[in-house]
């Protein structure tokens, strides 16, 4: 190994800067980016000249109401502007999402998923542990999706906590909400609407609930996720997509 390795090799170069030999101090290993992990659960990583943004979606997706402090959560008001920044920053070439979520606020989750599905840059998601409930639209929103062999995904109908008025309009509202989720998943994966609806309304698997639990391999077989894989395979796929994107 060359002991005289240039410091520039560990710094993310800013392509907007004039080629004067200087580089922007955006190293993904400095204290600034360690603080970024603690604050937003994200970090920059690089391979050669390619830079990716790694974003974690963990705990519950927090929506319009603040969750108790003992709950791990992903705050949509932090993630949404971050996604815009990633797609617009010329120094960042792609997005890697690490997903381990129990679900959460439906509209907040859909908002994040819609932004990711509409990004120009290459995006890859990998489900680790669990990608339950509204975590499913988040997982399929990337251009390529992976799931760990030991991970699982729980598909179930829309749920609500708190006061519910038992009138036909309430159930119609829930049906419309479920249709929004179903249509997004179907549009961004390889599963049919009929098959997904059957998984959602399955009454023969969960003892005290409606729905289906899919392990990693089965999630791929039904068409929800593209591939079973690990972190290395997901990262390699993203860099390959970046290379193809730059050539196009």
C-alpha atoms as a PDB file:
ATOM      1  CA  UNK A   1       0.000   0.000   0.000  1.00  0.00           C
ATOM      2  CA  UNK A   2       1.250   3.479  -0.840  1.00  0.00           C
ATOM      3  CA  UNK A   3       1.990   5.241   2.441  1.00  0.00           C
ATOM      4  CA  UNK A   4       2.108   8.560   0.616  1.00  0.00           C
ATOM      5  CA  UNK A   5      -1.568   8.364  -0.305  1.00  0.00           C
ATOM      6  CA  UNK A   6      -2.875  11.821  -1.085  1.00  0.00           C
ATOM      7  CA  UNK A   7      -5.337  13.375   1.321  1.00  0.00           C
ATOM      8  CA  UNK A   8      -7.472  14.188  -1.716  1.00  0.00           C
ATOM      9  CA  UNK A   9      -8.264  10.475  -2.094  1.00  0.00           C
ATOM     10  CA  UNK A  10     -10.353  10.630   1.095  1.00  0.00           C
ATOM     11  CA  UNK A  11     -12.277  13.779   0.189  1.00  0.00           C
ATOM     12  CA  UNK A  12     -15.427  14.069  -1.865  1.00  0.00           C
ATOM     13  CA  UNK A  13     -14.561  16.366  -4.725  1.00  0.00           C
ATOM     14  CA  UNK A  14     -16.983  19.123  -5.617  1.00  0.00           C
ATOM     15  CA  UNK A  15     -17.466  19.028  -9.394  1.00  0.00           C
ATOM     16  CA  UNK A  16     -18.853  22.560  -9.280  1.00  0.00           C
ATOM     17  CA  UNK A  17     -15.483  23.934  -8.246  1.00  0.00           C
ATOM     18  CA  UNK A  18     -13.028  25.057 -10.883  1.00  0.00           C
ATOM     19  CA  UNK A  19     -10.280  22.553 -11.527  1.00  0.00           C
ATOM     20  CA  UNK A  20      -7.599  24.417  -9.617  1.00  0.00           C
ATOM     21  CA  UNK A  21      -6.240  21.464  -7.655  1.00  0.00           C
ATOM     22  CA  UNK A  22      -8.252  22.299  -4.558  1.00  0.00           C
ATOM     23  CA  UNK A  23     -11.111  20.199  -3.221  1.00  0.00           C
ATOM     24  CA  UNK A  24     -14.132  20.831  -1.050  1.00  0.00           C
ATOM     25  CA  UNK A  25     -13.760  19.486   2.487  1.00  0.00           C
ATOM     26  CA  UNK A  26     -16.651  17.006   2.319  1.00  0.00           C
ATOM     27  CA  UNK A  27     -14.904  13.924   3.662  1.00  0.00           C
ATOM     28  CA  UNK A  28     -17.408  11.283   4.842  1.00  0.00           C
ATOM     29  CA  UNK A  29     -15.079  10.365   7.705  1.00  0.00           C
ATOM     30  CA  UNK A  30     -14.727  13.743   9.403  1.00  0.00           C
ATOM     31  CA  UNK A  31     -16.447  14.897  12.603  1.00  0.00           C
ATOM     32  CA  UNK A  32     -19.090  16.781  10.656  1.00  0.00           C
ATOM     33  CA  UNK A  33     -20.384  13.583   9.089  1.00  0.00           C
ATOM     34  CA  UNK A  34     -20.202  11.659  12.363  1.00  0.00           C
ATOM     35  CA  UNK A  35     -22.544  14.309  13.763  1.00  0.00           C
ATOM     36  CA  UNK A  36     -24.695  13.865  10.664  1.00  0.00           C
ATOM     37  CA  UNK A  37     -25.203  10.183  11.533  1.00  0.00           C
ATOM     38  CA  UNK A  38     -26.317  11.099  15.040  1.00  0.00           C
ATOM     39  CA  UNK A  39     -28.639  13.891  13.864  1.00  0.00           C
ATOM     40  CA  UNK A  40     -30.256  12.430  10.750  1.00  0.00           C
ATOM     41  CA  UNK A  41     -29.215   8.773  10.535  1.00  0.00           C
ATOM     42  CA  UNK A  42     -27.436   9.358   7.237  1.00  0.00           C
ATOM     43  CA  UNK A  43     -23.906   9.574   5.896  1.00  0.00           C
ATOM     44  CA  UNK A  44     -21.957  10.010   2.678  1.00  0.00           C
ATOM     45  CA  UNK A  45     -19.852   7.167   1.286  1.00  0.00           C
ATOM     46  CA  UNK A  46     -17.711   6.967  -1.811  1.00  0.00           C
ATOM     47  CA  UNK A  47     -16.040   4.593  -4.216  1.00  0.00           C
ATOM     48  CA  UNK A  48     -13.660   6.126  -6.699  1.00  0.00           C
ATOM     49  CA  UNK A  49     -15.290   9.288  -8.037  1.00  0.00           C
ATOM     50  CA  UNK A  50     -18.813   8.160  -7.137  1.00  0.00           C
ATOM     51  CA  UNK A  51     -20.515   9.452  -3.982  1.00  0.00           C
ATOM     52  CA  UNK A  52     -23.650   7.948  -2.444  1.00  0.00           C
ATOM     53  CA  UNK A  53     -25.873   9.135   0.363  1.00  0.00           C
ATOM     54  CA  UNK A  54     -26.824   6.407   2.836  1.00  0.00           C
ATOM     55  CA  UNK A  55     -30.156   7.045   4.578  1.00  0.00           C
ATOM     56  CA  UNK A  56     -31.654   4.897   7.348  1.00  0.00           C
ATOM     57  CA  UNK A  57     -35.411   4.484   7.806  1.00  0.00           C
ATOM     58  CA  UNK A  58     -35.856   3.050  11.310  1.00  0.00           C
ATOM     59  CA  UNK A  59     -38.415   2.708  14.074  1.00  0.00           C
ATOM     60  CA  UNK A  60     -41.757   4.368  13.348  1.00  0.00           C
ATOM     61  CA  UNK A  61     -42.417   6.880  10.591  1.00  0.00           C
ATOM     62  CA  UNK A  62     -43.398   9.973  12.526  1.00  0.00           C
ATOM     63  CA  UNK A  63     -46.182  12.045  10.989  1.00  0.00           C
ATOM     64  CA  UNK A  64     -48.141  15.056  12.176  1.00  0.00           C
ATOM     65  CA  UNK A  65     -47.918  14.047  15.833  1.00  0.00           C
ATOM     66  CA  UNK A  66     -44.692  13.759  17.832  1.00  0.00           C
ATOM     67  CA  UNK A  67     -44.071  10.265  19.164  1.00  0.00           C
ATOM     68  CA  UNK A  68     -43.014   9.650  22.790  1.00  0.00           C
ATOM     69  CA  UNK A  69     -39.294  10.066  23.436  1.00  0.00           C
ATOM     70  CA  UNK A  70     -38.840   6.352  24.159  1.00  0.00           C
ATOM     71  CA  UNK A  71     -39.869   5.526  20.543  1.00  0.00           C
ATOM     72  CA  UNK A  72     -37.259   5.347  17.821  1.00  0.00           C
ATOM     73  CA  UNK A  73     -38.620   7.270  14.865  1.00  0.00           C
ATOM     74  CA  UNK A  74     -37.890   8.660  11.410  1.00  0.00           C
ATOM     75  CA  UNK A  75     -39.154  12.231  11.117  1.00  0.00           C
ATOM     76  CA  UNK A  76     -40.605  13.038   7.704  1.00  0.00           C
ATOM     77  CA  UNK A  77     -39.923  16.765   8.081  1.00  0.00           C
ATOM     78  CA  UNK A  78     -36.210  15.889   8.181  1.00  0.00           C
ATOM     79  CA  UNK A  79     -36.224  13.289   5.416  1.00  0.00           C
ATOM     80  CA  UNK A  80     -38.250  15.237   2.818  1.00  0.00           C
ATOM     81  CA  UNK A  81     -35.870  18.220   2.446  1.00  0.00           C
ATOM     82  CA  UNK A  82     -32.905  15.841   2.659  1.00  0.00           C
ATOM     83  CA  UNK A  83     -34.207  13.902  -0.358  1.00  0.00           C
ATOM     84  CA  UNK A  84     -34.589  17.112  -2.341  1.00  0.00           C
ATOM     85  CA  UNK A  85     -31.030  18.063  -1.460  1.00  0.00           C
ATOM     86  CA  UNK A  86     -29.707  14.645  -2.531  1.00  0.00           C
ATOM     87  CA  UNK A  87     -31.431  14.810  -5.905  1.00  0.00           C
ATOM     88  CA  UNK A  88     -30.248  18.368  -6.600  1.00  0.00           C
ATOM     89  CA  UNK A  89     -26.668  18.173  -5.271  1.00  0.00           C
ATOM     90  CA  UNK A  90     -24.319  17.492  -8.226  1.00  0.00           C
ATOM     91  CA  UNK A  91     -21.735  15.995  -5.867  1.00  0.00           C
ATOM     92  CA  UNK A  92     -24.057  13.110  -4.852  1.00  0.00           C
ATOM     93  CA  UNK A  93     -24.566  10.341  -7.415  1.00  0.00           C
ATOM     94  CA  UNK A  94     -27.072   8.009  -5.762  1.00  0.00           C
ATOM     95  CA  UNK A  95     -29.144   7.049  -2.721  1.00  0.00           C
ATOM     96  CA  UNK A  96     -28.962   3.893  -0.589  1.00  0.00           C
ATOM     97  CA  UNK A  97     -31.809   3.314   1.882  1.00  0.00           C
ATOM     98  CA  UNK A  98     -31.415   0.950   4.829  1.00  0.00           C
ATOM     99  CA  UNK A  99     -34.895   0.050   6.069  1.00  0.00           C
ATOM    100  CA  UNK A 100     -35.840  -1.468   9.424  1.00  0.00           C
ATOM    101  CA  UNK A 101     -39.232  -0.045  10.341  1.00  0.00           C
ATOM    102  CA  UNK A 102     -42.436  -1.195  12.009  1.00  0.00           C
ATOM    103  CA  UNK A 103     -44.472   1.277   9.932  1.00  0.00           C
ATOM    104  CA  UNK A 104     -46.104   4.440  11.175  1.00  0.00           C
ATOM    105  CA  UNK A 105     -47.980   7.409   9.735  1.00  0.00           C
ATOM    106  CA  UNK A 106     -49.450   6.447   6.355  1.00  0.00           C
ATOM    107  CA  UNK A 107     -49.443   9.869   4.704  1.00  0.00           C
ATOM    108  CA  UNK A 108     -45.939  10.724   5.918  1.00  0.00           C
ATOM    109  CA  UNK A 109     -44.648   7.375   4.659  1.00  0.00           C
ATOM    110  CA  UNK A 110     -46.341   7.806   1.297  1.00  0.00           C
ATOM    111  CA  UNK A 111     -44.955  11.335   0.978  1.00  0.00           C
ATOM    112  CA  UNK A 112     -41.400  10.065   1.470  1.00  0.00           C
ATOM    113  CA  UNK A 113     -42.003   7.125  -0.893  1.00  0.00           C
ATOM    114  CA  UNK A 114     -43.383   9.391  -3.630  1.00  0.00           C
ATOM    115  CA  UNK A 115     -40.319  11.633  -3.438  1.00  0.00           C
ATOM    116  CA  UNK A 116     -37.939   8.681  -3.701  1.00  0.00           C
ATOM    117  CA  UNK A 117     -39.806   7.132  -6.637  1.00  0.00           C
ATOM    118  CA  UNK A 118     -39.601  10.467  -8.465  1.00  0.00           C
ATOM    119  CA  UNK A 119     -35.862  11.013  -8.027  1.00  0.00           C
ATOM    120  CA  UNK A 120     -33.724  11.228 -11.159  1.00  0.00           C
ATOM    121  CA  UNK A 121     -30.667   9.682  -9.582  1.00  0.00           C
ATOM    122  CA  UNK A 122     -30.134   5.931  -9.011  1.00  0.00           C
ATOM    123  CA  UNK A 123     -31.768   4.643  -5.822  1.00  0.00           C
ATOM    124  CA  UNK A 124     -31.479   1.290  -4.053  1.00  0.00           C
ATOM    125  CA  UNK A 125     -33.273   0.059  -0.935  1.00  0.00           C
ATOM    126  CA  UNK A 126     -32.505  -2.899   1.312  1.00  0.00           C
ATOM    127  CA  UNK A 127     -34.844  -4.215   4.007  1.00  0.00           C
ATOM    128  CA  UNK A 128     -32.955  -5.334   7.117  1.00  0.00           C
ATOM    129  CA  UNK A 129     -34.871  -6.845  10.007  1.00  0.00           C
ATOM    130  CA  UNK A 130     -38.312  -5.645   8.969  1.00  0.00           C
ATOM    131  CA  UNK A 131     -40.078  -3.456   6.441  1.00  0.00           C
ATOM    132  CA  UNK A 132     -43.591  -3.621   7.810  1.00  0.00           C
ATOM    133  CA  UNK A 133     -46.805  -1.767   6.974  1.00  0.00           C
ATOM    134  CA  UNK A 134     -46.010   1.615   5.363  1.00  0.00           C
ATOM    135  CA  UNK A 135     -42.393   0.419   5.153  1.00  0.00           C
ATOM    136  CA  UNK A 136     -43.479  -1.597   2.092  1.00  0.00           C
ATOM    137  CA  UNK A 137     -44.112   1.463  -0.128  1.00  0.00           C
ATOM    138  CA  UNK A 138     -40.791   2.870   1.082  1.00  0.00           C
ATOM    139  CA  UNK A 139     -38.968  -0.325   0.112  1.00  0.00           C
ATOM    140  CA  UNK A 140     -40.478  -0.538  -3.377  1.00  0.00           C
ATOM    141  CA  UNK A 141     -40.053   3.198  -4.076  1.00  0.00           C
ATOM    142  CA  UNK A 142     -36.387   2.726  -4.991  1.00  0.00           C
ATOM    143  CA  UNK A 143     -35.448   1.841  -8.552  1.00  0.00           C
ATOM    144  CA  UNK A 144     -33.992  -1.432  -7.269  1.00  0.00           C
ATOM    145  CA  UNK A 145     -34.954  -3.183  -4.019  1.00  0.00           C
ATOM    146  CA  UNK A 146     -33.256  -5.846  -1.913  1.00  0.00           C
ATOM    147  CA  UNK A 147     -34.271  -7.721   1.220  1.00  0.00           C
ATOM    148  CA  UNK A 148     -32.052  -9.635   3.637  1.00  0.00           C
ATOM    149  CA  UNK A 149     -32.714 -13.355   3.821  1.00  0.00           C
ATOM    150  CA  UNK A 150     -33.631 -13.072   7.516  1.00  0.00           C
ATOM    151  CA  UNK A 151     -35.847  -9.983   7.108  1.00  0.00           C
ATOM    152  CA  UNK A 152     -39.647  -9.946   6.891  1.00  0.00           C
ATOM    153  CA  UNK A 153     -42.474  -7.695   5.715  1.00  0.00           C
ATOM    154  CA  UNK A 154     -45.982  -7.545   7.200  1.00  0.00           C
ATOM    155  CA  UNK A 155     -48.750  -6.655   4.747  1.00  0.00           C
ATOM    156  CA  UNK A 156     -52.020  -5.585   6.372  1.00  0.00           C
ATOM    157  CA  UNK A 157     -54.935  -3.167   5.876  1.00  0.00           C
ATOM    158  CA  UNK A 158     -54.872   0.444   7.035  1.00  0.00           C
ATOM    159  CA  UNK A 159     -55.231   0.781  10.799  1.00  0.00           C
ATOM    160  CA  UNK A 160     -56.207   3.688  13.014  1.00  0.00           C
ATOM    161  CA  UNK A 161     -55.826   4.540  16.685  1.00  0.00           C
ATOM    162  CA  UNK A 162     -58.110   6.734  18.753  1.00  0.00           C
ATOM    163  CA  UNK A 163     -61.756   7.596  18.243  1.00  0.00           C
ATOM    164  CA  UNK A 164     -63.457   6.112  15.170  1.00  0.00           C
ATOM    165  CA  UNK A 165     -66.989   7.072  14.110  1.00  0.00           C
ATOM    166  CA  UNK A 166     -68.881   3.978  12.998  1.00  0.00           C
ATOM    167  CA  UNK A 167     -70.494   5.342   9.858  1.00  0.00           C
ATOM    168  CA  UNK A 168     -70.198   4.244   6.202  1.00  0.00           C
ATOM    169  CA  UNK A 169     -68.137   7.344   5.346  1.00  0.00           C
ATOM    170  CA  UNK A 170     -65.408   6.231   7.756  1.00  0.00           C
ATOM    171  CA  UNK A 171     -65.019   2.850   6.099  1.00  0.00           C
ATOM    172  CA  UNK A 172     -65.077   4.477   2.666  1.00  0.00           C
ATOM    173  CA  UNK A 173     -62.241   6.751   3.794  1.00  0.00           C
ATOM    174  CA  UNK A 174     -60.204   3.744   4.963  1.00  0.00           C
ATOM    175  CA  UNK A 175     -60.831   2.013   1.642  1.00  0.00           C
ATOM    176  CA  UNK A 176     -59.610   5.041  -0.284  1.00  0.00           C
ATOM    177  CA  UNK A 177     -56.507   5.215   1.891  1.00  0.00           C
ATOM    178  CA  UNK A 178     -55.840   1.526   1.292  1.00  0.00           C
ATOM    179  CA  UNK A 179     -56.291   2.026  -2.459  1.00  0.00           C
ATOM    180  CA  UNK A 180     -53.643   4.773  -2.413  1.00  0.00           C
ATOM    181  CA  UNK A 181     -51.159   2.410  -0.789  1.00  0.00           C
ATOM    182  CA  UNK A 182     -52.063  -0.535  -3.021  1.00  0.00           C
ATOM    183  CA  UNK A 183     -51.805   1.492  -6.230  1.00  0.00           C
ATOM    184  CA  UNK A 184     -48.398   2.886  -5.248  1.00  0.00           C
ATOM    185  CA  UNK A 185     -47.017  -0.557  -4.395  1.00  0.00           C
ATOM    186  CA  UNK A 186     -48.364  -2.081  -7.603  1.00  0.00           C
ATOM    187  CA  UNK A 187     -46.965   0.770  -9.723  1.00  0.00           C
ATOM    188  CA  UNK A 188     -43.497   0.464  -8.195  1.00  0.00           C
ATOM    189  CA  UNK A 189     -43.076  -3.317  -7.920  1.00  0.00           C
ATOM    190  CA  UNK A 190     -43.795  -6.488  -9.866  1.00  0.00           C
ATOM    191  CA  UNK A 191     -46.856  -7.630  -7.916  1.00  0.00           C
ATOM    192  CA  UNK A 192     -50.369  -7.447  -9.351  1.00  0.00           C
ATOM    193  CA  UNK A 193     -53.174  -5.546  -7.643  1.00  0.00           C
ATOM    194  CA  UNK A 194     -55.142  -8.742  -7.123  1.00  0.00           C
ATOM    195  CA  UNK A 195     -52.220 -10.571  -5.506  1.00  0.00           C
ATOM    196  CA  UNK A 196     -51.386  -7.649  -3.226  1.00  0.00           C
ATOM    197  CA  UNK A 197     -55.011  -7.270  -2.145  1.00  0.00           C
ATOM    198  CA  UNK A 198     -55.159 -10.986  -1.346  1.00  0.00           C
ATOM    199  CA  UNK A 199     -52.082 -10.606   0.886  1.00  0.00           C
ATOM    200  CA  UNK A 200     -53.608  -7.583   2.629  1.00  0.00           C
ATOM    201  CA  UNK A 201     -56.962  -9.284   3.298  1.00  0.00           C
ATOM    202  CA  UNK A 202     -55.621 -12.721   4.210  1.00  0.00           C
ATOM    203  CA  UNK A 203     -57.510 -14.059   7.259  1.00  0.00           C
ATOM    204  CA  UNK A 204     -55.796 -17.428   7.513  1.00  0.00           C
ATOM    205  CA  UNK A 205     -52.300 -16.521   8.707  1.00  0.00           C
ATOM    206  CA  UNK A 206     -52.329 -14.024  11.594  1.00  0.00           C
ATOM    207  CA  UNK A 207     -54.122 -15.239  14.727  1.00  0.00           C
ATOM    208  CA  UNK A 208     -55.610 -11.907  15.854  1.00  0.00           C
ATOM    209  CA  UNK A 209     -55.220  -9.802  12.740  1.00  0.00           C
ATOM    210  CA  UNK A 210     -55.742  -9.614   8.977  1.00  0.00           C
ATOM    211  CA  UNK A 211     -52.764  -9.725   6.647  1.00  0.00           C
ATOM    212  CA  UNK A 212     -49.670 -11.677   5.681  1.00  0.00           C
ATOM    213  CA  UNK A 213     -46.094 -11.967   6.921  1.00  0.00           C
ATOM    214  CA  UNK A 214     -43.558 -12.422   4.129  1.00  0.00           C
ATOM    215  CA  UNK A 215     -39.999 -13.576   4.726  1.00  0.00           C
ATOM    216  CA  UNK A 216     -37.216 -12.414   2.441  1.00  0.00           C
ATOM    217  CA  UNK A 217     -37.468 -15.129  -0.201  1.00  0.00           C
ATOM    218  CA  UNK A 218     -41.271 -15.052  -0.343  1.00  0.00           C
ATOM    219  CA  UNK A 219     -41.298 -11.248  -0.702  1.00  0.00           C
ATOM    220  CA  UNK A 220     -39.241 -11.741  -3.875  1.00  0.00           C
ATOM    221  CA  UNK A 221     -41.377 -14.634  -5.121  1.00  0.00           C
ATOM    222  CA  UNK A 222     -44.629 -12.637  -4.927  1.00  0.00           C
ATOM    223  CA  UNK A 223     -43.002  -9.699  -6.753  1.00  0.00           C
ATOM    224  CA  UNK A 224     -42.801  -7.115  -3.962  1.00  0.00           C
ATOM    225  CA  UNK A 225     -38.997  -6.990  -3.812  1.00  0.00           C
ATOM    226  CA  UNK A 226     -36.531  -7.444  -6.669  1.00  0.00           C
ATOM    227  CA  UNK A 227     -33.859  -9.587  -5.003  1.00  0.00           C
ATOM    228  CA  UNK A 228     -32.725 -11.287  -1.817  1.00  0.00           C
ATOM    229  CA  UNK A 229     -29.339  -9.840  -0.976  1.00  0.00           C
ATOM    230  CA  UNK A 230     -26.954  -8.318   1.527  1.00  0.00           C
ATOM    231  CA  UNK A 231     -25.340  -4.927   1.948  1.00  0.00           C
ATOM    232  CA  UNK A 232     -22.474  -5.659  -0.448  1.00  0.00           C
ATOM    233  CA  UNK A 233     -24.843  -6.706  -3.218  1.00  0.00           C
ATOM    234  CA  UNK A 234     -27.030  -3.641  -2.695  1.00  0.00           C
ATOM    235  CA  UNK A 235     -24.051  -1.262  -2.740  1.00  0.00           C
ATOM    236  CA  UNK A 236     -22.506  -2.928  -5.800  1.00  0.00           C
ATOM    237  CA  UNK A 237     -25.851  -2.657  -7.584  1.00  0.00           C
ATOM    238  CA  UNK A 238     -26.100   1.051  -6.769  1.00  0.00           C
ATOM    239  CA  UNK A 239     -22.612   1.833  -8.070  1.00  0.00           C
ATOM    240  CA  UNK A 240     -23.340  -0.131 -11.241  1.00  0.00           C
ATOM    241  CA  UNK A 241     -26.551   1.878 -11.709  1.00  0.00           C
ATOM    242  CA  UNK A 242     -24.586   5.088 -11.171  1.00  0.00           C
ATOM    243  CA  UNK A 243     -22.059   4.124 -13.851  1.00  0.00           C
ATOM    244  CA  UNK A 244     -24.863   3.354 -16.316  1.00  0.00           C
ATOM    245  CA  UNK A 245     -26.649   6.590 -15.417  1.00  0.00           C
ATOM    246  CA  UNK A 246     -23.535   8.661 -16.106  1.00  0.00           C
ATOM    247  CA  UNK A 247     -23.020   6.935 -19.457  1.00  0.00           C
ATOM    248  CA  UNK A 248     -26.599   7.583 -20.596  1.00  0.00           C
END
